[in-house]
């Protein structure tokens, strides 16, 4: 899977998709997809990544408390 770095517009290959979907993980391991040689993998902050269409990542991938407001509103208890 490829995402784009918000700041630079560079493509980033996601090497650990499980971390991408985990709202408790703030970083993913990936590498830039540029040039002829593959660069070494490194950590990327999920906040700084977007889809190639410039859409932000879903809140449920970056915020472990994304349902807290919904639970308070409905009065549900898990």
PDB file of N, CA and C in Angstrom:
ATOM      1  N   UNK A   1       0.852  -1.166   0.000  1.00  0.00           N
ATOM      2  CA  UNK A   1       0.000   0.000   0.000  1.00  0.00           C
ATOM      3  C   UNK A   1       0.900   1.231   0.000  1.00  0.00           C
ATOM      4  N   UNK A   2       0.471   2.240  -0.736  1.00  0.00           N
ATOM      5  CA  UNK A   2       1.207   3.491  -0.795  1.00  0.00           C
ATOM      6  C   UNK A   2       0.360   4.616  -0.228  1.00  0.00           C
ATOM      7  N   UNK A   3       1.011   5.475   0.537  1.00  0.00           N
ATOM      8  CA  UNK A   3       0.411   6.703   1.025  1.00  0.00           C
ATOM      9  C   UNK A   3       1.306   7.845   0.574  1.00  0.00           C
ATOM     10  N   UNK A   4       0.887   9.049   0.869  1.00  0.00           N
ATOM     11  CA  UNK A   4       1.671  10.214   0.486  1.00  0.00           C
ATOM     12  C   UNK A   4       2.014  11.007   1.736  1.00  0.00           C
ATOM     13  N   UNK A   5       3.250  11.484   1.795  1.00  0.00           N
ATOM     14  CA  UNK A   5       3.647  12.344   2.904  1.00  0.00           C
ATOM     15  C   UNK A   5       3.033  13.723   2.666  1.00  0.00           C
ATOM     16  N   UNK A   6       2.271  14.180   3.633  1.00  0.00           N
ATOM     17  CA  UNK A   6       1.519  15.435   3.486  1.00  0.00           C
ATOM     18  C   UNK A   6       2.456  16.613   3.191  1.00  0.00           C
ATOM     19  N   UNK A   7       3.555  16.681   3.899  1.00  0.00           N
ATOM     20  CA  UNK A   7       4.456  17.828   3.815  1.00  0.00           C
ATOM     21  C   UNK A   7       5.210  17.905   2.488  1.00  0.00           C
ATOM     22  N   UNK A   8       5.677  16.764   1.990  1.00  0.00           N
ATOM     23  CA  UNK A   8       6.541  16.754   0.806  1.00  0.00           C
ATOM     24  C   UNK A   8       5.846  16.276  -0.464  1.00  0.00           C
ATOM     25  N   UNK A   9       4.749  15.540  -0.320  1.00  0.00           N
ATOM     26  CA  UNK A   9       4.085  14.957  -1.477  1.00  0.00           C
ATOM     27  C   UNK A   9       4.742  13.677  -1.974  1.00  0.00           C
ATOM     28  N   UNK A  10       5.779  13.208  -1.271  1.00  0.00           N
ATOM     29  CA  UNK A  10       6.491  11.986  -1.668  1.00  0.00           C
ATOM     30  C   UNK A  10       5.650  10.752  -1.353  1.00  0.00           C
ATOM     31  N   UNK A  11       5.723   9.745  -2.230  1.00  0.00           N
ATOM     32  CA  UNK A  11       5.043   8.474  -1.980  1.00  0.00           C
ATOM     33  C   UNK A  11       5.802   7.675  -0.932  1.00  0.00           C
ATOM     34  N   UNK A  12       5.045   7.053  -0.033  1.00  0.00           N
ATOM     35  CA  UNK A  12       5.610   6.225   1.027  1.00  0.00           C
ATOM     36  C   UNK A  12       4.992   4.836   0.915  1.00  0.00           C
ATOM     37  N   UNK A  13       5.837   3.835   0.792  1.00  0.00           N
ATOM     38  CA  UNK A  13       5.363   2.451   0.782  1.00  0.00           C
ATOM     39  C   UNK A  13       5.195   1.994   2.225  1.00  0.00           C
ATOM     40  N   UNK A  14       4.008   1.570   2.593  1.00  0.00           N
ATOM     41  CA  UNK A  14       3.730   1.092   3.948  1.00  0.00           C
ATOM     42  C   UNK A  14       4.200  -0.355   4.040  1.00  0.00           C
ATOM     43  N   UNK A  15       5.147  -0.613   4.946  1.00  0.00           N
ATOM     44  CA  UNK A  15       5.697  -1.956   5.098  1.00  0.00           C
ATOM     45  C   UNK A  15       5.039  -2.730   6.228  1.00  0.00           C
ATOM     46  N   UNK A  16       4.288  -2.040   7.084  1.00  0.00           N
ATOM     47  CA  UNK A  16       3.624  -2.679   8.219  1.00  0.00           C
ATOM     48  C   UNK A  16       2.158  -2.233   8.263  1.00  0.00           C
ATOM     49  N   UNK A  17       1.306  -2.816   7.420  1.00  0.00           N
ATOM     50  CA  UNK A  17      -0.094  -2.376   7.379  1.00  0.00           C
ATOM     51  C   UNK A  17      -0.818  -2.514   8.715  1.00  0.00           C
ATOM     52  N   UNK A  18      -0.456  -3.493   9.525  1.00  0.00           N
ATOM     53  CA  UNK A  18      -1.133  -3.673  10.816  1.00  0.00           C
ATOM     54  C   UNK A  18      -0.974  -2.432  11.688  1.00  0.00           C
ATOM     55  N   UNK A  19       0.196  -1.810  11.676  1.00  0.00           N
ATOM     56  CA  UNK A  19       0.414  -0.588  12.457  1.00  0.00           C
ATOM     57  C   UNK A  19      -0.409   0.569  11.896  1.00  0.00           C
ATOM     58  N   UNK A  20      -0.629   0.569  10.596  1.00  0.00           N
ATOM     59  CA  UNK A  20      -1.422   1.628   9.974  1.00  0.00           C
ATOM     60  C   UNK A  20      -2.854   1.604  10.493  1.00  0.00           C
ATOM     61  N   UNK A  21      -3.428   0.425  10.639  1.00  0.00           N
ATOM     62  CA  UNK A  21      -4.817   0.291  11.080  1.00  0.00           C
ATOM     63  C   UNK A  21      -4.974   0.353  12.600  1.00  0.00           C
ATOM     64  N   UNK A  22      -3.866   0.258  13.330  1.00  0.00           N
ATOM     65  CA  UNK A  22      -3.897   0.235  14.792  1.00  0.00           C
ATOM     66  C   UNK A  22      -3.962   1.665  15.332  1.00  0.00           C
ATOM     67  N   UNK A  23      -5.067   2.070  15.953  1.00  0.00           N
ATOM     68  CA  UNK A  23      -5.166   3.444  16.447  1.00  0.00           C
ATOM     69  C   UNK A  23      -4.214   3.742  17.601  1.00  0.00           C
ATOM     70  N   UNK A  24      -3.644   2.724  18.226  1.00  0.00           N
ATOM     71  CA  UNK A  24      -2.697   2.937  19.320  1.00  0.00           C
ATOM     72  C   UNK A  24      -1.267   3.117  18.817  1.00  0.00           C
ATOM     73  N   UNK A  25      -1.014   2.867  17.548  1.00  0.00           N
ATOM     74  CA  UNK A  25       0.313   3.058  16.951  1.00  0.00           C
ATOM     75  C   UNK A  25       0.353   4.445  16.314  1.00  0.00           C
ATOM     76  N   UNK A  26       1.293   5.281  16.732  1.00  0.00           N
ATOM     77  CA  UNK A  26       1.382   6.636  16.182  1.00  0.00           C
ATOM     78  C   UNK A  26       2.284   6.712  14.957  1.00  0.00           C
ATOM     79  N   UNK A  27       3.054   5.654  14.720  1.00  0.00           N
ATOM     80  CA  UNK A  27       3.966   5.627  13.577  1.00  0.00           C
ATOM     81  C   UNK A  27       3.827   4.317  12.815  1.00  0.00           C
ATOM     82  N   UNK A  28       4.231   4.360  11.561  1.00  0.00           N
ATOM     83  CA  UNK A  28       4.299   3.146  10.743  1.00  0.00           C
ATOM     84  C   UNK A  28       5.721   3.020  10.216  1.00  0.00           C
ATOM     85  N   UNK A  29       6.092   1.831   9.816  1.00  0.00           N
ATOM     86  CA  UNK A  29       7.372   1.619   9.151  1.00  0.00           C
ATOM     87  C   UNK A  29       7.106   1.630   7.651  1.00  0.00           C
ATOM     88  N   UNK A  30       7.876   2.427   6.958  1.00  0.00           N
ATOM     89  CA  UNK A  30       7.712   2.534   5.519  1.00  0.00           C
ATOM     90  C   UNK A  30       8.999   3.018   4.886  1.00  0.00           C
ATOM     91  N   UNK A  31       8.927   3.261   3.590  1.00  0.00           N
ATOM     92  CA  UNK A  31      10.087   3.826   2.896  1.00  0.00           C
ATOM     93  C   UNK A  31       9.588   4.646   1.718  1.00  0.00           C
ATOM     94  N   UNK A  32      10.385   5.668   1.402  1.00  0.00           N
ATOM     95  CA  UNK A  32      10.060   6.491   0.243  1.00  0.00           C
ATOM     96  C   UNK A  32      10.121   5.643  -1.010  1.00  0.00           C
ATOM     97  N   UNK A  33       9.278   5.945  -1.953  1.00  0.00           N
ATOM     98  CA  UNK A  33       9.265   5.232  -3.223  1.00  0.00           C
ATOM     99  C   UNK A  33       9.730   6.202  -4.307  1.00  0.00           C
ATOM    100  N   UNK A  34      11.034   6.430  -4.332  1.00  0.00           N
ATOM    101  CA  UNK A  34      11.596   7.369  -5.302  1.00  0.00           C
ATOM    102  C   UNK A  34      12.995   6.914  -5.674  1.00  0.00           C
ATOM    103  N   UNK A  35      13.381   7.177  -6.890  1.00  0.00           N
ATOM    104  CA  UNK A  35      14.716   6.809  -7.333  1.00  0.00           C
ATOM    105  C   UNK A  35      14.801   5.352  -7.741  1.00  0.00           C
ATOM    106  N   UNK A  36      15.985   4.972  -8.181  1.00  0.00           N
ATOM    107  CA  UNK A  36      16.190   3.604  -8.655  1.00  0.00           C
ATOM    108  C   UNK A  36      16.451   2.622  -7.519  1.00  0.00           C
ATOM    109  N   UNK A  37      17.116   3.083  -6.465  1.00  0.00           N
ATOM    110  CA  UNK A  37      17.413   2.202  -5.334  1.00  0.00           C
ATOM    111  C   UNK A  37      16.399   2.437  -4.225  1.00  0.00           C
ATOM    112  N   UNK A  38      15.976   1.337  -3.620  1.00  0.00           N
ATOM    113  CA  UNK A  38      15.017   1.448  -2.524  1.00  0.00           C
ATOM    114  C   UNK A  38      15.734   1.951  -1.274  1.00  0.00           C
ATOM    115  N   UNK A  39      15.241   3.034  -0.689  1.00  0.00           N
ATOM    116  CA  UNK A  39      15.849   3.526   0.548  1.00  0.00           C
ATOM    117  C   UNK A  39      15.549   2.587   1.715  1.00  0.00           C
ATOM    118  N   UNK A  40      16.314   2.742   2.775  1.00  0.00           N
ATOM    119  CA  UNK A  40      16.100   1.941   3.979  1.00  0.00           C
ATOM    120  C   UNK A  40      14.760   2.305   4.616  1.00  0.00           C
ATOM    121  N   UNK A  41      14.088   1.324   5.206  1.00  0.00           N
ATOM    122  CA  UNK A  41      12.835   1.604   5.923  1.00  0.00           C
ATOM    123  C   UNK A  41      13.087   2.537   7.104  1.00  0.00           C
ATOM    124  N   UNK A  42      12.074   3.326   7.428  1.00  0.00           N
ATOM    125  CA  UNK A  42      12.153   4.224   8.582  1.00  0.00           C
ATOM    126  C   UNK A  42      10.749   4.458   9.126  1.00  0.00           C
ATOM    127  N   UNK A  43      10.678   5.097  10.269  1.00  0.00           N
ATOM    128  CA  UNK A  43       9.389   5.393  10.898  1.00  0.00           C
ATOM    129  C   UNK A  43       8.804   6.677  10.312  1.00  0.00           C
ATOM    130  N   UNK A  44       7.499   6.656  10.078  1.00  0.00           N
ATOM    131  CA  UNK A  44       6.754   7.824   9.621  1.00  0.00           C
ATOM    132  C   UNK A  44       5.597   8.043  10.582  1.00  0.00           C
ATOM    133  N   UNK A  45       5.378   9.286  10.973  1.00  0.00           N
ATOM    134  CA  UNK A  45       4.225   9.619  11.804  1.00  0.00           C
ATOM    135  C   UNK A  45       2.953   9.476  10.971  1.00  0.00           C
ATOM    136  N   UNK A  46       1.956   8.796  11.518  1.00  0.00           N
ATOM    137  CA  UNK A  46       0.703   8.607  10.779  1.00  0.00           C
ATOM    138  C   UNK A  46      -0.013   9.935  10.542  1.00  0.00           C
ATOM    139  N   UNK A  47       0.173  10.887  11.434  1.00  0.00           N
ATOM    140  CA  UNK A  47      -0.462  12.199  11.287  1.00  0.00           C
ATOM    141  C   UNK A  47       0.030  12.904  10.023  1.00  0.00           C
ATOM    142  N   UNK A  48       1.274  12.631   9.622  1.00  0.00           N
ATOM    143  CA  UNK A  48       1.854  13.282   8.454  1.00  0.00           C
ATOM    144  C   UNK A  48       1.590  12.576   7.142  1.00  0.00           C
ATOM    145  N   UNK A  49       0.743  11.543   7.149  1.00  0.00           N
ATOM    146  CA  UNK A  49       0.466  10.780   5.934  1.00  0.00           C
ATOM    147  C   UNK A  49      -0.980  10.969   5.486  1.00  0.00           C
ATOM    148  N   UNK A  50      -1.183  10.931   4.186  1.00  0.00           N
ATOM    149  CA  UNK A  50      -2.524  11.011   3.598  1.00  0.00           C
ATOM    150  C   UNK A  50      -2.606   9.978   2.480  1.00  0.00           C
ATOM    151  N   UNK A  51      -3.818   9.693   2.027  1.00  0.00           N
ATOM    152  CA  UNK A  51      -3.984   8.843   0.857  1.00  0.00           C
ATOM    153  C   UNK A  51      -3.471   9.601  -0.368  1.00  0.00           C
ATOM    154  N   UNK A  52      -3.222   8.895  -1.439  1.00  0.00           N
ATOM    155  CA  UNK A  52      -2.712   9.518  -2.668  1.00  0.00           C
ATOM    156  C   UNK A  52      -3.682  10.553  -3.232  1.00  0.00           C
ATOM    157  N   UNK A  53      -4.944  10.453  -2.866  1.00  0.00           N
ATOM    158  CA  UNK A  53      -5.968  11.417  -3.295  1.00  0.00           C
ATOM    159  C   UNK A  53      -6.012  12.649  -2.386  1.00  0.00           C
ATOM    160  N   UNK A  54      -5.078  12.742  -1.442  1.00  0.00           N
ATOM    161  CA  UNK A  54      -4.978  13.819  -0.445  1.00  0.00           C
ATOM    162  C   UNK A  54      -6.034  13.737   0.653  1.00  0.00           C
ATOM    163  N   UNK A  55      -6.774  12.642   0.720  1.00  0.00           N
ATOM    164  CA  UNK A  55      -7.718  12.454   1.823  1.00  0.00           C
ATOM    165  C   UNK A  55      -6.943  12.046   3.071  1.00  0.00           C
ATOM    166  N   UNK A  56      -7.374  12.543   4.211  1.00  0.00           N
ATOM    167  CA  UNK A  56      -6.752  12.171   5.480  1.00  0.00           C
ATOM    168  C   UNK A  56      -7.041  10.715   5.804  1.00  0.00           C
ATOM    169  N   UNK A  57      -6.211  10.142   6.652  1.00  0.00           N
ATOM    170  CA  UNK A  57      -6.460   8.780   7.122  1.00  0.00           C
ATOM    171  C   UNK A  57      -7.714   8.782   7.989  1.00  0.00           C
ATOM    172  N   UNK A  58      -8.458   7.691   8.021  1.00  0.00           N
ATOM    173  CA  UNK A  58      -9.658   7.627   8.863  1.00  0.00           C
ATOM    174  C   UNK A  58      -9.308   7.843  10.336  1.00  0.00           C
ATOM    175  N   UNK A  59     -10.170   8.531  11.029  1.00  0.00           N
ATOM    176  CA  UNK A  59      -9.938   8.820  12.444  1.00  0.00           C
ATOM    177  C   UNK A  59      -9.754   7.539  13.260  1.00  0.00           C
ATOM    178  N   UNK A  60     -10.455   6.468  12.892  1.00  0.00           N
ATOM    179  CA  UNK A  60     -10.353   5.214  13.647  1.00  0.00           C
ATOM    180  C   UNK A  60      -8.972   4.571  13.488  1.00  0.00           C
ATOM    181  N   UNK A  61      -8.152   5.028  12.564  1.00  0.00           N
ATOM    182  CA  UNK A  61      -6.784   4.523  12.404  1.00  0.00           C
ATOM    183  C   UNK A  61      -5.784   5.316  13.237  1.00  0.00           C
ATOM    184  N   UNK A  62      -6.154   6.531  13.684  1.00  0.00           N
ATOM    185  CA  UNK A  62      -5.185   7.386  14.369  1.00  0.00           C
ATOM    186  C   UNK A  62      -5.603   7.801  15.777  1.00  0.00           C
ATOM    187  N   UNK A  63      -6.859   7.621  16.136  1.00  0.00           N
ATOM    188  CA  UNK A  63      -7.358   8.073  17.439  1.00  0.00           C
ATOM    189  C   UNK A  63      -7.990   6.910  18.202  1.00  0.00           C
ATOM    190  N   UNK A  64      -7.308   6.424  19.258  1.00  0.00           N
ATOM    191  CA  UNK A  64      -7.867   5.287  20.000  1.00  0.00           C
ATOM    192  C   UNK A  64      -9.191   5.610  20.705  1.00  0.00           C
ATOM    193  N   UNK A  65      -9.498   6.876  20.888  1.00  0.00           N
ATOM    194  CA  UNK A  65     -10.742   7.279  21.555  1.00  0.00           C
ATOM    195  C   UNK A  65     -11.793   7.772  20.562  1.00  0.00           C
ATOM    196  N   UNK A  66     -11.711   7.317  19.318  1.00  0.00           N
ATOM    197  CA  UNK A  66     -12.593   7.848  18.279  1.00  0.00           C
ATOM    198  C   UNK A  66     -14.071   7.601  18.548  1.00  0.00           C
ATOM    199  N   UNK A  67     -14.415   6.645  19.380  1.00  0.00           N
ATOM    200  CA  UNK A  67     -15.838   6.358  19.650  1.00  0.00           C
ATOM    201  C   UNK A  67     -16.301   6.898  20.998  1.00  0.00           C
ATOM    202  N   UNK A  68     -15.433   7.554  21.727  1.00  0.00           N
ATOM    203  CA  UNK A  68     -15.779   8.032  23.067  1.00  0.00           C
ATOM    204  C   UNK A  68     -17.019   8.931  23.043  1.00  0.00           C
ATOM    205  N   UNK A  69     -17.101   9.871  22.138  1.00  0.00           N
ATOM    206  CA  UNK A  69     -18.260  10.759  22.047  1.00  0.00           C
ATOM    207  C   UNK A  69     -19.535  10.005  21.729  1.00  0.00           C
ATOM    208  N   UNK A  70     -19.445   9.003  20.882  1.00  0.00           N
ATOM    209  CA  UNK A  70     -20.612   8.195  20.514  1.00  0.00           C
ATOM    210  C   UNK A  70     -21.135   7.417  21.718  1.00  0.00           C
ATOM    211  N   UNK A  71     -20.241   6.888  22.524  1.00  0.00           N
ATOM    212  CA  UNK A  71     -20.642   6.118  23.705  1.00  0.00           C
ATOM    213  C   UNK A  71     -21.341   7.025  24.706  1.00  0.00           C
ATOM    214  N   UNK A  72     -20.815   8.230  24.910  1.00  0.00           N
ATOM    215  CA  UNK A  72     -21.444   9.172  25.835  1.00  0.00           C
ATOM    216  C   UNK A  72     -22.822   9.591  25.338  1.00  0.00           C
ATOM    217  N   UNK A  73     -22.930   9.802  24.037  1.00  0.00           N
ATOM    218  CA  UNK A  73     -24.188  10.263  23.450  1.00  0.00           C
ATOM    219  C   UNK A  73     -25.291   9.224  23.571  1.00  0.00           C
ATOM    220  N   UNK A  74     -24.952   7.958  23.356  1.00  0.00           N
ATOM    221  CA  UNK A  74     -25.975   6.913  23.357  1.00  0.00           C
ATOM    222  C   UNK A  74     -26.158   6.267  24.720  1.00  0.00           C
ATOM    223  N   UNK A  75     -25.189   6.454  25.594  1.00  0.00           N
ATOM    224  CA  UNK A  75     -25.273   5.827  26.901  1.00  0.00           C
ATOM    225  C   UNK A  75     -24.917   4.360  26.888  1.00  0.00           C
ATOM    226  N   UNK A  76     -24.360   3.865  25.792  1.00  0.00           N
ATOM    227  CA  UNK A  76     -23.972   2.450  25.687  1.00  0.00           C
ATOM    228  C   UNK A  76     -22.753   2.176  26.546  1.00  0.00           C
ATOM    229  N   UNK A  77     -22.663   0.963  27.030  1.00  0.00           N
ATOM    230  CA  UNK A  77     -21.526   0.550  27.852  1.00  0.00           C
ATOM    231  C   UNK A  77     -20.865  -0.661  27.231  1.00  0.00           C
ATOM    232  N   UNK A  78     -20.122  -0.466  26.121  1.00  0.00           N
ATOM    233  CA  UNK A  78     -19.319  -1.491  25.487  1.00  0.00           C
ATOM    234  C   UNK A  78     -19.955  -2.765  25.304  1.00  0.00           C
TER     235      UNK A  78
END
